[in-house]
Amino acid sequence: MTSLDAQHLSKQYTSTAGAPLEILTDVSLTLAAGENLAIVGPSGSGKSTLLAILGTLDKPTSGKVTLGEIDPATLNEKALAQFRSQQIGFVFQDHHLLPQCTVLENVLVPFLADGRAGAEQVTKAESLLERVGLSERSLHRPAQLSGGEKQRVAIARALVREPMLLLADEPTGNLDQATATDVMQLLIELQQERQSILVVVTHSEALAGRLQRRGVLESGELAQ
């Protein structure tokens, strides 16, 4: 069965004072296909650092992460980029849409690592836009969308390659409460439909309560 397994992760940075700055000390978690987890904790507790390590955007100082049967640390740079593109989807607070591209083109961005999107990929992107309620906005630019609509585009983009793992860093941080609730519900519904793994970092206890599991990251350790 597909699973995310992180064991004894630590992360340190060199500081100007000489002593290492310890962000994560000993973090372990395991999630199976279809499971989701909210991670809460104070600002500066290392939540985004942990998400970056799980998403292979950063490397731990010690410890190990595996996704399915793959240990990303064993991959070369090219293979790691391909693995990340195919198996991990990201949703950020600031959505990071390309302003010069249409909604449809933004959803197709993950396929650019393979060259260009073909008819099958376009059909998949259009289907996802219909699922998130933005079919009629597919040719619009991000500047023509509301905050909630932009985040729904970002969710469609994260899901278009049907990744094993979805990582969301404060995905509703810039949204009003009602819109945040709708966006979070949509993200969970799509994750459940596809039986992917979802990890969400949030400051909102209300949103964290909508997920199956909740972990608190504090003083470099994750309590679940």
N, C-alpha and C. Protein backbone atom coordinates (compact mmCIF):
# COMPACT_ATOMS: atom_id res chain seq x y z
N MET A 1 0.84 -1.19 0.00
CA MET A 1 0.00 0.00 0.00
C MET A 1 0.88 1.25 0.00
N THR A 2 0.48 2.26 -0.76
CA THR A 2 1.20 3.52 -0.78
C THR A 2 1.19 4.16 0.61
N SER A 3 2.35 4.64 1.04
CA SER A 3 2.40 5.30 2.34
C SER A 3 3.51 6.34 2.34
N LEU A 4 3.34 7.30 3.24
CA LEU A 4 4.39 8.28 3.55
C LEU A 4 4.96 7.91 4.90
N ASP A 5 6.27 7.71 4.96
CA ASP A 5 6.91 7.30 6.20
C ASP A 5 8.10 8.20 6.47
N ALA A 6 8.02 8.99 7.52
CA ALA A 6 9.12 9.87 7.93
C ALA A 6 9.60 9.41 9.30
N GLN A 7 10.89 9.15 9.42
CA GLN A 7 11.42 8.61 10.66
C GLN A 7 12.57 9.45 11.20
N HIS A 8 12.40 9.95 12.41
CA HIS A 8 13.46 10.62 13.19
C HIS A 8 14.11 11.78 12.42
N LEU A 9 13.27 12.64 11.86
CA LEU A 9 13.79 13.76 11.10
C LEU A 9 14.32 14.85 12.02
N SER A 10 15.48 15.37 11.68
CA SER A 10 16.01 16.55 12.35
C SER A 10 16.48 17.53 11.29
N LYS A 11 16.50 18.81 11.65
CA LYS A 11 17.00 19.83 10.73
C LYS A 11 17.70 20.91 11.53
N GLN A 12 18.96 21.15 11.15
CA GLN A 12 19.77 22.18 11.79
C GLN A 12 20.34 23.11 10.74
N TYR A 13 20.50 24.36 11.11
CA TYR A 13 21.16 25.35 10.26
C TYR A 13 22.32 25.96 11.04
N THR A 14 23.37 26.30 10.33
CA THR A 14 24.50 26.98 10.96
C THR A 14 24.12 28.43 11.24
N SER A 15 24.40 28.89 12.44
CA SER A 15 24.08 30.26 12.82
C SER A 15 25.35 31.09 12.93
N THR A 16 25.20 32.40 12.90
CA THR A 16 26.37 33.30 13.00
C THR A 16 27.01 33.21 14.38
N ALA A 17 26.24 32.74 15.35
CA ALA A 17 26.78 32.62 16.70
C ALA A 17 27.68 31.39 16.86
N GLY A 18 27.68 30.54 15.85
CA GLY A 18 28.53 29.36 15.89
C GLY A 18 27.76 28.10 16.24
N ALA A 19 26.90 28.17 17.23
CA ALA A 19 26.10 27.00 17.60
C ALA A 19 25.03 26.76 16.55
N PRO A 20 24.73 25.49 16.21
CA PRO A 20 23.69 25.22 15.20
C PRO A 20 22.31 25.64 15.67
N LEU A 21 21.51 26.11 14.72
CA LEU A 21 20.13 26.47 15.00
C LEU A 21 19.27 25.25 14.71
N GLU A 22 18.67 24.70 15.73
CA GLU A 22 17.91 23.46 15.60
C GLU A 22 16.44 23.77 15.36
N ILE A 23 15.93 23.36 14.20
CA ILE A 23 14.53 23.61 13.83
C ILE A 23 13.67 22.39 14.15
N LEU A 24 14.12 21.23 13.72
CA LEU A 24 13.44 19.97 14.02
C LEU A 24 14.41 19.08 14.77
N THR A 25 13.93 18.39 15.80
CA THR A 25 14.83 17.55 16.59
C THR A 25 14.59 16.05 16.36
N ASP A 26 13.33 15.62 16.40
CA ASP A 26 13.04 14.19 16.23
C ASP A 26 11.58 14.05 15.83
N VAL A 27 11.32 14.12 14.52
CA VAL A 27 9.95 14.09 14.02
C VAL A 27 9.72 12.80 13.23
N SER A 28 8.69 12.07 13.60
CA SER A 28 8.31 10.86 12.89
C SER A 28 6.81 10.89 12.62
N LEU A 29 6.42 10.41 11.45
CA LEU A 29 5.00 10.26 11.12
C LEU A 29 4.84 9.25 10.00
N THR A 30 3.70 8.59 9.99
CA THR A 30 3.37 7.62 8.94
C THR A 30 1.92 7.83 8.54
N LEU A 31 1.69 7.92 7.23
CA LEU A 31 0.34 8.09 6.70
C LEU A 31 0.15 7.11 5.55
N ALA A 32 -1.00 6.46 5.51
CA ALA A 32 -1.34 5.54 4.44
C ALA A 32 -2.20 6.24 3.40
N ALA A 33 -2.37 5.60 2.26
CA ALA A 33 -3.21 6.14 1.19
C ALA A 33 -4.60 6.44 1.72
N GLY A 34 -5.11 7.64 1.41
CA GLY A 34 -6.43 8.04 1.85
C GLY A 34 -6.46 8.75 3.19
N GLU A 35 -5.33 8.80 3.89
CA GLU A 35 -5.28 9.47 5.18
C GLU A 35 -4.86 10.93 5.04
N ASN A 36 -5.27 11.74 6.00
CA ASN A 36 -4.86 13.14 6.00
C ASN A 36 -4.51 13.59 7.41
N LEU A 37 -3.65 14.58 7.50
CA LEU A 37 -3.12 15.05 8.77
C LEU A 37 -2.99 16.56 8.75
N ALA A 38 -3.47 17.23 9.79
CA ALA A 38 -3.24 18.65 9.99
C ALA A 38 -2.10 18.83 10.98
N ILE A 39 -1.18 19.73 10.67
CA ILE A 39 -0.09 20.06 11.59
C ILE A 39 -0.26 21.51 12.02
N VAL A 40 -0.40 21.70 13.32
CA VAL A 40 -0.53 23.04 13.89
C VAL A 40 0.66 23.30 14.80
N GLY A 41 0.81 24.55 15.19
CA GLY A 41 1.91 24.92 16.07
C GLY A 41 2.21 26.39 15.95
N PRO A 42 2.96 26.95 16.88
CA PRO A 42 3.27 28.37 16.84
C PRO A 42 4.14 28.75 15.66
N SER A 43 4.13 30.02 15.29
CA SER A 43 5.01 30.51 14.23
C SER A 43 6.46 30.23 14.61
N GLY A 44 7.24 29.80 13.61
CA GLY A 44 8.64 29.51 13.86
C GLY A 44 8.92 28.14 14.43
N SER A 45 7.88 27.30 14.52
CA SER A 45 8.07 25.97 15.11
C SER A 45 8.62 24.95 14.13
N GLY A 46 8.73 25.33 12.84
CA GLY A 46 9.31 24.42 11.86
C GLY A 46 8.30 23.73 10.97
N LYS A 47 7.05 24.20 10.98
CA LYS A 47 6.00 23.53 10.19
C LYS A 47 6.33 23.56 8.70
N SER A 48 6.69 24.73 8.18
CA SER A 48 7.00 24.84 6.75
C SER A 48 8.28 24.09 6.41
N THR A 49 9.24 24.07 7.34
CA THR A 49 10.47 23.29 7.12
C THR A 49 10.15 21.81 7.00
N LEU A 50 9.28 21.31 7.87
CA LEU A 50 8.89 19.90 7.81
C LEU A 50 8.19 19.60 6.50
N LEU A 51 7.31 20.48 6.06
CA LEU A 51 6.60 20.27 4.81
C LEU A 51 7.57 20.24 3.63
N ALA A 52 8.57 21.13 3.65
CA ALA A 52 9.57 21.17 2.59
C ALA A 52 10.37 19.87 2.54
N ILE A 53 10.68 19.31 3.69
CA ILE A 53 11.42 18.04 3.74
C ILE A 53 10.55 16.90 3.21
N LEU A 54 9.29 16.85 3.63
CA LEU A 54 8.39 15.81 3.14
C LEU A 54 8.20 15.91 1.63
N GLY A 55 8.24 17.15 1.11
CA GLY A 55 8.06 17.37 -0.32
C GLY A 55 9.34 17.33 -1.13
N THR A 56 10.44 16.94 -0.52
CA THR A 56 11.77 16.80 -1.16
C THR A 56 12.33 18.13 -1.65
N LEU A 57 11.80 19.26 -1.14
CA LEU A 57 12.36 20.56 -1.49
C LEU A 57 13.55 20.91 -0.59
N ASP A 58 13.70 20.18 0.50
CA ASP A 58 14.81 20.37 1.43
C ASP A 58 15.20 18.99 1.95
N LYS A 59 16.42 18.90 2.47
CA LYS A 59 16.91 17.63 3.00
C LYS A 59 17.05 17.71 4.52
N PRO A 60 16.71 16.64 5.21
CA PRO A 60 16.89 16.66 6.67
C PRO A 60 18.37 16.55 7.01
N THR A 61 18.73 17.06 8.18
CA THR A 61 20.09 16.87 8.68
C THR A 61 20.31 15.40 9.01
N SER A 62 19.28 14.78 9.57
CA SER A 62 19.30 13.34 9.81
C SER A 62 17.87 12.82 9.71
N GLY A 63 17.75 11.51 9.60
CA GLY A 63 16.43 10.91 9.44
C GLY A 63 16.15 10.55 8.00
N LYS A 64 14.99 9.99 7.76
CA LYS A 64 14.68 9.43 6.44
C LYS A 64 13.21 9.60 6.11
N VAL A 65 12.93 9.89 4.83
CA VAL A 65 11.56 9.97 4.32
C VAL A 65 11.43 9.00 3.15
N THR A 66 10.38 8.19 3.15
CA THR A 66 10.07 7.36 1.99
C THR A 66 8.62 7.59 1.59
N LEU A 67 8.38 7.56 0.29
CA LEU A 67 7.03 7.70 -0.26
C LEU A 67 6.79 6.50 -1.16
N GLY A 68 5.86 5.66 -0.77
CA GLY A 68 5.70 4.40 -1.48
C GLY A 68 6.94 3.56 -1.26
N GLU A 69 7.54 3.10 -2.32
CA GLU A 69 8.76 2.30 -2.23
C GLU A 69 10.01 3.12 -2.46
N ILE A 70 9.86 4.44 -2.60
CA ILE A 70 10.97 5.28 -3.02
C ILE A 70 11.55 6.07 -1.85
N ASP A 71 12.87 6.04 -1.75
CA ASP A 71 13.61 6.91 -0.85
C ASP A 71 14.18 8.03 -1.71
N PRO A 72 13.60 9.24 -1.67
CA PRO A 72 14.05 10.32 -2.55
C PRO A 72 15.53 10.67 -2.39
N ALA A 73 16.10 10.40 -1.22
CA ALA A 73 17.51 10.72 -0.97
C ALA A 73 18.45 9.91 -1.85
N THR A 74 17.95 8.81 -2.42
CA THR A 74 18.80 7.98 -3.27
C THR A 74 18.76 8.41 -4.74
N LEU A 75 17.92 9.37 -5.08
CA LEU A 75 17.75 9.78 -6.46
C LEU A 75 18.73 10.90 -6.83
N ASN A 76 19.19 10.90 -8.08
CA ASN A 76 20.01 12.02 -8.54
C ASN A 76 19.10 13.23 -8.79
N GLU A 77 19.70 14.36 -9.08
CA GLU A 77 18.93 15.61 -9.18
C GLU A 77 17.83 15.54 -10.23
N LYS A 78 18.13 14.96 -11.39
CA LYS A 78 17.13 14.88 -12.45
C LYS A 78 16.00 13.93 -12.07
N ALA A 79 16.36 12.78 -11.53
CA ALA A 79 15.34 11.81 -11.14
C ALA A 79 14.48 12.34 -9.99
N LEU A 80 15.10 13.09 -9.08
CA LEU A 80 14.35 13.66 -7.96
C LEU A 80 13.34 14.69 -8.45
N ALA A 81 13.75 15.54 -9.40
CA ALA A 81 12.83 16.54 -9.95
C ALA A 81 11.65 15.87 -10.64
N GLN A 82 11.92 14.78 -11.35
CA GLN A 82 10.84 14.05 -12.03
C GLN A 82 9.92 13.39 -11.01
N PHE A 83 10.49 12.80 -9.99
CA PHE A 83 9.70 12.16 -8.92
C PHE A 83 8.80 13.17 -8.24
N ARG A 84 9.36 14.34 -7.92
CA ARG A 84 8.59 15.39 -7.26
C ARG A 84 7.45 15.87 -8.15
N SER A 85 7.73 16.04 -9.44
CA SER A 85 6.73 16.52 -10.38
C SER A 85 5.57 15.53 -10.53
N GLN A 86 5.88 14.26 -10.50
CA GLN A 86 4.87 13.24 -10.75
C GLN A 86 4.11 12.79 -9.50
N GLN A 87 4.78 12.81 -8.35
CA GLN A 87 4.21 12.17 -7.18
C GLN A 87 3.84 13.10 -6.03
N ILE A 88 4.20 14.39 -6.12
CA ILE A 88 3.93 15.32 -5.03
C ILE A 88 3.24 16.57 -5.58
N GLY A 89 2.13 16.93 -4.97
CA GLY A 89 1.42 18.15 -5.35
C GLY A 89 1.47 19.15 -4.21
N PHE A 90 1.69 20.42 -4.54
CA PHE A 90 1.83 21.47 -3.53
C PHE A 90 0.72 22.50 -3.67
N VAL A 91 0.18 22.94 -2.53
CA VAL A 91 -0.76 24.06 -2.48
C VAL A 91 -0.22 25.04 -1.45
N PHE A 92 0.07 26.27 -1.87
CA PHE A 92 0.66 27.26 -0.98
C PHE A 92 -0.36 28.35 -0.64
N GLN A 93 -0.06 29.09 0.41
CA GLN A 93 -0.93 30.19 0.83
C GLN A 93 -1.09 31.22 -0.28
N ASP A 94 -0.02 31.52 -1.00
CA ASP A 94 -0.04 32.55 -2.03
C ASP A 94 -0.25 31.98 -3.44
N HIS A 95 -0.69 30.77 -3.53
CA HIS A 95 -1.09 30.04 -4.74
C HIS A 95 -0.09 30.04 -5.90
N HIS A 96 0.72 31.09 -6.06
CA HIS A 96 1.80 31.10 -7.06
C HIS A 96 1.32 30.79 -8.48
N LEU A 97 0.22 31.38 -8.89
CA LEU A 97 -0.23 31.23 -10.28
C LEU A 97 0.58 32.14 -11.17
N LEU A 98 0.76 31.74 -12.41
CA LEU A 98 1.50 32.56 -13.39
C LEU A 98 0.54 33.60 -13.96
N PRO A 99 0.79 34.89 -13.74
CA PRO A 99 -0.18 35.92 -14.12
C PRO A 99 -0.41 36.04 -15.62
N GLN A 100 0.60 35.66 -16.43
CA GLN A 100 0.48 35.80 -17.87
C GLN A 100 -0.27 34.62 -18.52
N CYS A 101 -0.55 33.58 -17.72
CA CYS A 101 -1.18 32.38 -18.26
C CYS A 101 -2.66 32.33 -17.87
N THR A 102 -3.44 31.63 -18.69
CA THR A 102 -4.85 31.44 -18.37
C THR A 102 -4.99 30.44 -17.22
N VAL A 103 -6.19 30.33 -16.70
CA VAL A 103 -6.47 29.35 -15.66
C VAL A 103 -6.12 27.94 -16.14
N LEU A 104 -6.54 27.58 -17.34
CA LEU A 104 -6.25 26.26 -17.88
C LEU A 104 -4.74 26.04 -18.01
N GLU A 105 -4.05 27.03 -18.52
CA GLU A 105 -2.59 26.91 -18.68
C GLU A 105 -1.90 26.75 -17.33
N ASN A 106 -2.39 27.43 -16.31
CA ASN A 106 -1.81 27.28 -14.98
C ASN A 106 -1.98 25.86 -14.44
N VAL A 107 -3.12 25.27 -14.68
CA VAL A 107 -3.35 23.90 -14.23
C VAL A 107 -2.44 22.92 -14.96
N LEU A 108 -2.09 23.24 -16.19
CA LEU A 108 -1.24 22.36 -17.01
C LEU A 108 0.25 22.51 -16.73
N VAL A 109 0.63 23.49 -15.91
CA VAL A 109 2.05 23.75 -15.65
C VAL A 109 2.84 22.51 -15.20
N PRO A 110 2.30 21.64 -14.33
CA PRO A 110 3.08 20.47 -13.90
C PRO A 110 3.52 19.55 -15.04
N PHE A 111 2.83 19.62 -16.17
CA PHE A 111 3.21 18.76 -17.30
C PHE A 111 4.38 19.33 -18.10
N LEU A 112 4.75 20.58 -17.84
CA LEU A 112 5.83 21.20 -18.61
C LEU A 112 7.16 20.50 -18.39
N ALA A 113 7.31 19.80 -17.25
CA ALA A 113 8.54 19.06 -16.99
C ALA A 113 8.73 17.94 -18.03
N ASP A 114 7.63 17.52 -18.65
CA ASP A 114 7.69 16.47 -19.68
C ASP A 114 7.78 17.04 -21.09
N GLY A 115 7.81 18.36 -21.20
CA GLY A 115 7.84 18.99 -22.53
C GLY A 115 6.61 19.84 -22.72
N ARG A 116 5.56 19.27 -23.25
CA ARG A 116 4.31 20.00 -23.45
C ARG A 116 3.12 19.08 -23.15
N ALA A 117 2.00 19.69 -22.84
CA ALA A 117 0.80 18.93 -22.52
C ALA A 117 0.08 18.51 -23.80
N GLY A 118 -0.31 17.25 -23.87
CA GLY A 118 -1.05 16.76 -25.02
C GLY A 118 -2.55 16.80 -24.77
N ALA A 119 -3.30 16.26 -25.70
CA ALA A 119 -4.76 16.30 -25.61
C ALA A 119 -5.28 15.60 -24.35
N GLU A 120 -4.65 14.50 -23.98
CA GLU A 120 -5.08 13.75 -22.79
C GLU A 120 -4.90 14.60 -21.53
N GLN A 121 -3.79 15.31 -21.45
CA GLN A 121 -3.52 16.15 -20.29
C GLN A 121 -4.47 17.35 -20.23
N VAL A 122 -4.78 17.92 -21.39
CA VAL A 122 -5.71 19.04 -21.44
C VAL A 122 -7.09 18.59 -20.98
N THR A 123 -7.51 17.41 -21.42
CA THR A 123 -8.81 16.87 -21.01
C THR A 123 -8.85 16.66 -19.50
N LYS A 124 -7.76 16.15 -18.94
CA LYS A 124 -7.68 15.93 -17.50
C LYS A 124 -7.78 17.25 -16.75
N ALA A 125 -7.08 18.28 -17.25
CA ALA A 125 -7.11 19.59 -16.60
C ALA A 125 -8.50 20.20 -16.69
N GLU A 126 -9.14 20.08 -17.83
CA GLU A 126 -10.50 20.61 -17.99
C GLU A 126 -11.47 19.90 -17.06
N SER A 127 -11.30 18.60 -16.88
CA SER A 127 -12.17 17.84 -15.99
C SER A 127 -12.01 18.31 -14.54
N LEU A 128 -10.77 18.57 -14.14
CA LEU A 128 -10.52 19.06 -12.78
C LEU A 128 -11.09 20.46 -12.58
N LEU A 129 -10.97 21.31 -13.58
CA LEU A 129 -11.54 22.65 -13.48
C LEU A 129 -13.07 22.58 -13.34
N GLU A 130 -13.68 21.63 -14.02
CA GLU A 130 -15.12 21.44 -13.84
C GLU A 130 -15.41 20.98 -12.42
N ARG A 131 -14.57 20.09 -11.91
CA ARG A 131 -14.78 19.56 -10.55
C ARG A 131 -14.66 20.65 -9.48
N VAL A 132 -13.77 21.62 -9.70
CA VAL A 132 -13.60 22.70 -8.72
C VAL A 132 -14.48 23.90 -9.03
N GLY A 133 -15.36 23.76 -10.05
CA GLY A 133 -16.35 24.80 -10.34
C GLY A 133 -15.83 25.99 -11.12
N LEU A 134 -14.79 25.76 -11.95
CA LEU A 134 -14.20 26.88 -12.68
C LEU A 134 -14.14 26.67 -14.19
N SER A 135 -14.99 25.81 -14.70
CA SER A 135 -15.00 25.55 -16.15
C SER A 135 -15.18 26.83 -16.95
N GLU A 136 -16.06 27.69 -16.48
CA GLU A 136 -16.36 28.92 -17.24
C GLU A 136 -15.27 29.97 -17.09
N ARG A 137 -14.29 29.70 -16.24
CA ARG A 137 -13.20 30.65 -16.03
C ARG A 137 -11.88 30.17 -16.63
N SER A 138 -11.92 29.09 -17.39
CA SER A 138 -10.68 28.45 -17.85
C SER A 138 -9.80 29.34 -18.71
N LEU A 139 -10.39 30.31 -19.42
CA LEU A 139 -9.61 31.19 -20.30
C LEU A 139 -9.33 32.55 -19.65
N HIS A 140 -9.73 32.70 -18.40
CA HIS A 140 -9.45 33.94 -17.67
C HIS A 140 -8.03 33.92 -17.12
N ARG A 141 -7.52 35.09 -16.81
CA ARG A 141 -6.20 35.22 -16.18
C ARG A 141 -6.40 35.33 -14.66
N PRO A 142 -5.37 35.00 -13.87
CA PRO A 142 -5.50 35.05 -12.40
C PRO A 142 -5.99 36.39 -11.87
N ALA A 143 -5.61 37.50 -12.51
CA ALA A 143 -6.02 38.82 -12.03
C ALA A 143 -7.53 39.01 -12.08
N GLN A 144 -8.22 38.18 -12.86
CA GLN A 144 -9.67 38.27 -13.00
C GLN A 144 -10.41 37.38 -12.00
N LEU A 145 -9.67 36.71 -11.10
CA LEU A 145 -10.26 35.76 -10.17
C LEU A 145 -10.26 36.30 -8.75
N SER A 146 -11.19 35.81 -7.95
CA SER A 146 -11.18 36.11 -6.52
C SER A 146 -10.12 35.26 -5.84
N GLY A 147 -9.85 35.55 -4.56
CA GLY A 147 -8.86 34.77 -3.81
C GLY A 147 -9.24 33.30 -3.72
N GLY A 148 -10.52 33.03 -3.46
CA GLY A 148 -10.97 31.65 -3.37
C GLY A 148 -10.86 30.92 -4.70
N GLU A 149 -11.15 31.62 -5.79
CA GLU A 149 -11.03 31.01 -7.12
C GLU A 149 -9.58 30.70 -7.45
N LYS A 150 -8.67 31.60 -7.09
CA LYS A 150 -7.25 31.35 -7.33
C LYS A 150 -6.78 30.10 -6.57
N GLN A 151 -7.25 29.95 -5.35
CA GLN A 151 -6.82 28.79 -4.58
C GLN A 151 -7.41 27.50 -5.12
N ARG A 152 -8.62 27.57 -5.70
CA ARG A 152 -9.18 26.38 -6.34
C ARG A 152 -8.40 26.00 -7.59
N VAL A 153 -7.90 27.00 -8.32
CA VAL A 153 -7.01 26.71 -9.45
C VAL A 153 -5.75 26.01 -8.95
N ALA A 154 -5.19 26.51 -7.83
CA ALA A 154 -3.98 25.92 -7.27
C ALA A 154 -4.22 24.47 -6.85
N ILE A 155 -5.40 24.18 -6.32
CA ILE A 155 -5.74 22.81 -5.94
C ILE A 155 -5.81 21.91 -7.18
N ALA A 156 -6.46 22.41 -8.23
CA ALA A 156 -6.54 21.64 -9.48
C ALA A 156 -5.14 21.38 -10.04
N ARG A 157 -4.29 22.39 -10.00
CA ARG A 157 -2.91 22.23 -10.49
C ARG A 157 -2.16 21.17 -9.68
N ALA A 158 -2.36 21.17 -8.36
CA ALA A 158 -1.68 20.21 -7.50
C ALA A 158 -2.13 18.78 -7.77
N LEU A 159 -3.37 18.62 -8.23
CA LEU A 159 -3.95 17.29 -8.41
C LEU A 159 -3.86 16.75 -9.82
N VAL A 160 -3.47 17.59 -10.78
CA VAL A 160 -3.62 17.21 -12.19
C VAL A 160 -2.77 16.00 -12.57
N ARG A 161 -1.67 15.76 -11.88
CA ARG A 161 -0.85 14.58 -12.19
C ARG A 161 -1.17 13.40 -11.28
N GLU A 162 -2.24 13.53 -10.52
CA GLU A 162 -2.69 12.47 -9.61
C GLU A 162 -1.54 12.01 -8.71
N PRO A 163 -0.96 12.92 -7.95
CA PRO A 163 0.20 12.57 -7.11
C PRO A 163 -0.20 11.70 -5.93
N MET A 164 0.78 10.97 -5.41
CA MET A 164 0.55 10.18 -4.20
C MET A 164 0.38 11.07 -2.98
N LEU A 165 1.11 12.19 -2.96
CA LEU A 165 1.18 13.04 -1.77
C LEU A 165 0.78 14.47 -2.09
N LEU A 166 -0.13 15.02 -1.28
CA LEU A 166 -0.52 16.42 -1.38
C LEU A 166 -0.03 17.15 -0.13
N LEU A 167 0.65 18.28 -0.33
CA LEU A 167 1.16 19.08 0.77
C LEU A 167 0.59 20.48 0.66
N ALA A 168 -0.03 20.96 1.71
CA ALA A 168 -0.67 22.28 1.69
C ALA A 168 -0.14 23.12 2.85
N ASP A 169 0.49 24.26 2.52
CA ASP A 169 1.08 25.14 3.51
C ASP A 169 0.19 26.37 3.68
N GLU A 170 -0.56 26.43 4.77
CA GLU A 170 -1.50 27.52 5.04
C GLU A 170 -2.38 27.82 3.81
N PRO A 171 -3.05 26.80 3.26
CA PRO A 171 -3.77 26.99 2.00
C PRO A 171 -4.94 27.96 2.07
N THR A 172 -5.40 28.25 3.28
CA THR A 172 -6.54 29.18 3.43
C THR A 172 -6.15 30.44 4.19
N GLY A 173 -4.85 30.68 4.34
CA GLY A 173 -4.38 31.79 5.16
C GLY A 173 -4.81 33.16 4.68
N ASN A 174 -5.02 33.31 3.37
CA ASN A 174 -5.39 34.61 2.82
C ASN A 174 -6.88 34.73 2.50
N LEU A 175 -7.68 33.79 2.99
CA LEU A 175 -9.10 33.75 2.65
C LEU A 175 -9.96 34.08 3.86
N ASP A 176 -11.16 34.63 3.59
CA ASP A 176 -12.10 34.85 4.68
C ASP A 176 -12.61 33.50 5.17
N GLN A 177 -13.24 33.49 6.33
CA GLN A 177 -13.60 32.24 6.98
C GLN A 177 -14.52 31.36 6.14
N ALA A 178 -15.52 31.95 5.53
CA ALA A 178 -16.47 31.16 4.74
C ALA A 178 -15.79 30.55 3.52
N THR A 179 -14.99 31.36 2.83
CA THR A 179 -14.27 30.85 1.65
C THR A 179 -13.25 29.81 2.06
N ALA A 180 -12.57 30.04 3.18
CA ALA A 180 -11.58 29.09 3.68
C ALA A 180 -12.21 27.73 3.95
N THR A 181 -13.39 27.74 4.54
CA THR A 181 -14.09 26.49 4.83
C THR A 181 -14.44 25.75 3.55
N ASP A 182 -14.92 26.47 2.55
CA ASP A 182 -15.28 25.86 1.26
C ASP A 182 -14.06 25.27 0.57
N VAL A 183 -12.97 26.03 0.56
CA VAL A 183 -11.74 25.57 -0.11
C VAL A 183 -11.19 24.33 0.58
N MET A 184 -11.18 24.35 1.91
CA MET A 184 -10.65 23.21 2.65
C MET A 184 -11.51 21.97 2.43
N GLN A 185 -12.82 22.15 2.40
CA GLN A 185 -13.71 21.03 2.16
C GLN A 185 -13.47 20.43 0.78
N LEU A 186 -13.27 21.29 -0.20
CA LEU A 186 -13.00 20.83 -1.56
C LEU A 186 -11.69 20.05 -1.61
N LEU A 187 -10.66 20.56 -0.95
CA LEU A 187 -9.36 19.89 -0.94
C LEU A 187 -9.48 18.50 -0.33
N ILE A 188 -10.19 18.39 0.78
CA ILE A 188 -10.35 17.09 1.44
C ILE A 188 -11.17 16.14 0.58
N GLU A 189 -12.25 16.64 -0.03
CA GLU A 189 -13.08 15.79 -0.89
C GLU A 189 -12.29 15.21 -2.05
N LEU A 190 -11.49 16.05 -2.71
CA LEU A 190 -10.70 15.58 -3.85
C LEU A 190 -9.61 14.60 -3.41
N GLN A 191 -9.01 14.86 -2.25
CA GLN A 191 -8.00 13.94 -1.72
C GLN A 191 -8.62 12.58 -1.42
N GLN A 192 -9.82 12.58 -0.83
CA GLN A 192 -10.48 11.33 -0.51
C GLN A 192 -10.91 10.57 -1.76
N GLU A 193 -11.40 11.30 -2.76
CA GLU A 193 -11.81 10.66 -4.01
C GLU A 193 -10.65 9.93 -4.67
N ARG A 194 -9.48 10.53 -4.60
CA ARG A 194 -8.29 9.97 -5.25
C ARG A 194 -7.45 9.11 -4.33
N GLN A 195 -7.83 9.04 -3.04
CA GLN A 195 -7.11 8.23 -2.06
C GLN A 195 -5.61 8.56 -2.02
N SER A 196 -5.32 9.84 -2.15
CA SER A 196 -3.95 10.29 -1.98
C SER A 196 -3.71 10.55 -0.49
N ILE A 197 -2.51 10.98 -0.15
CA ILE A 197 -2.13 11.33 1.22
C ILE A 197 -2.07 12.85 1.29
N LEU A 198 -2.64 13.43 2.34
CA LEU A 198 -2.69 14.88 2.48
C LEU A 198 -2.11 15.31 3.81
N VAL A 199 -1.16 16.26 3.77
CA VAL A 199 -0.63 16.89 4.97
C VAL A 199 -0.84 18.39 4.84
N VAL A 200 -1.52 18.97 5.82
CA VAL A 200 -1.86 20.40 5.79
C VAL A 200 -1.24 21.10 7.00
N VAL A 201 -0.50 22.17 6.75
CA VAL A 201 -0.03 23.06 7.81
C VAL A 201 -1.01 24.21 7.92
N THR A 202 -1.50 24.47 9.13
CA THR A 202 -2.46 25.56 9.31
C THR A 202 -2.37 26.13 10.72
N HIS A 203 -2.70 27.41 10.85
CA HIS A 203 -2.84 28.03 12.16
C HIS A 203 -4.27 27.90 12.69
N SER A 204 -5.18 27.47 11.82
CA SER A 204 -6.60 27.42 12.16
C SER A 204 -6.97 26.11 12.82
N GLU A 205 -7.35 26.17 14.08
CA GLU A 205 -7.80 24.95 14.77
C GLU A 205 -9.10 24.44 14.17
N ALA A 206 -9.95 25.36 13.70
CA ALA A 206 -11.22 24.95 13.10
C ALA A 206 -10.97 24.12 11.84
N LEU A 207 -10.04 24.59 11.00
CA LEU A 207 -9.73 23.84 9.78
C LEU A 207 -9.00 22.55 10.10
N ALA A 208 -8.12 22.59 11.08
CA ALA A 208 -7.40 21.38 11.48
C ALA A 208 -8.37 20.30 11.94
N GLY A 209 -9.45 20.73 12.58
CA GLY A 209 -10.44 19.80 13.08
C GLY A 209 -11.21 19.07 12.00
N ARG A 210 -11.11 19.51 10.76
CA ARG A 210 -11.82 18.87 9.65
C ARG A 210 -11.04 17.66 9.11
N LEU A 211 -9.77 17.54 9.49
CA LEU A 211 -8.96 16.43 9.00
C LEU A 211 -9.01 15.25 9.96
N GLN A 212 -8.60 14.09 9.46
CA GLN A 212 -8.70 12.86 10.25
C GLN A 212 -7.78 12.88 11.46
N ARG A 213 -6.60 13.42 11.27
CA ARG A 213 -5.61 13.40 12.35
C ARG A 213 -5.05 14.81 12.55
N ARG A 214 -4.55 15.06 13.74
CA ARG A 214 -4.00 16.37 14.10
C ARG A 214 -2.69 16.17 14.83
N GLY A 215 -1.67 16.91 14.44
CA GLY A 215 -0.39 16.88 15.13
C GLY A 215 0.03 18.28 15.53
N VAL A 216 0.71 18.40 16.65
CA VAL A 216 1.19 19.69 17.13
C VAL A 216 2.72 19.67 17.06
N LEU A 217 3.28 20.63 16.31
CA LEU A 217 4.72 20.76 16.20
C LEU A 217 5.19 21.87 17.11
N GLU A 218 6.01 21.51 18.09
CA GLU A 218 6.49 22.50 19.05
C GLU A 218 7.82 22.02 19.61
N SER A 219 8.75 22.99 19.75
CA SER A 219 10.10 22.67 20.26
C SER A 219 10.76 21.57 19.44
N GLY A 220 10.47 21.58 18.12
CA GLY A 220 11.14 20.66 17.20
C GLY A 220 10.59 19.25 17.18
N GLU A 221 9.53 18.98 17.95
CA GLU A 221 8.98 17.64 17.99
C GLU A 221 7.49 17.67 17.63
N LEU A 222 7.03 16.57 17.03
CA LEU A 222 5.64 16.46 16.59
C LEU A 222 4.88 15.52 17.51
N ALA A 223 3.87 16.06 18.20
CA ALA A 223 3.01 15.24 19.05
C ALA A 223 1.72 14.96 18.30
N GLN A 224 1.32 13.69 18.22
CA GLN A 224 0.11 13.30 17.48
C GLN A 224 -0.88 12.62 18.42
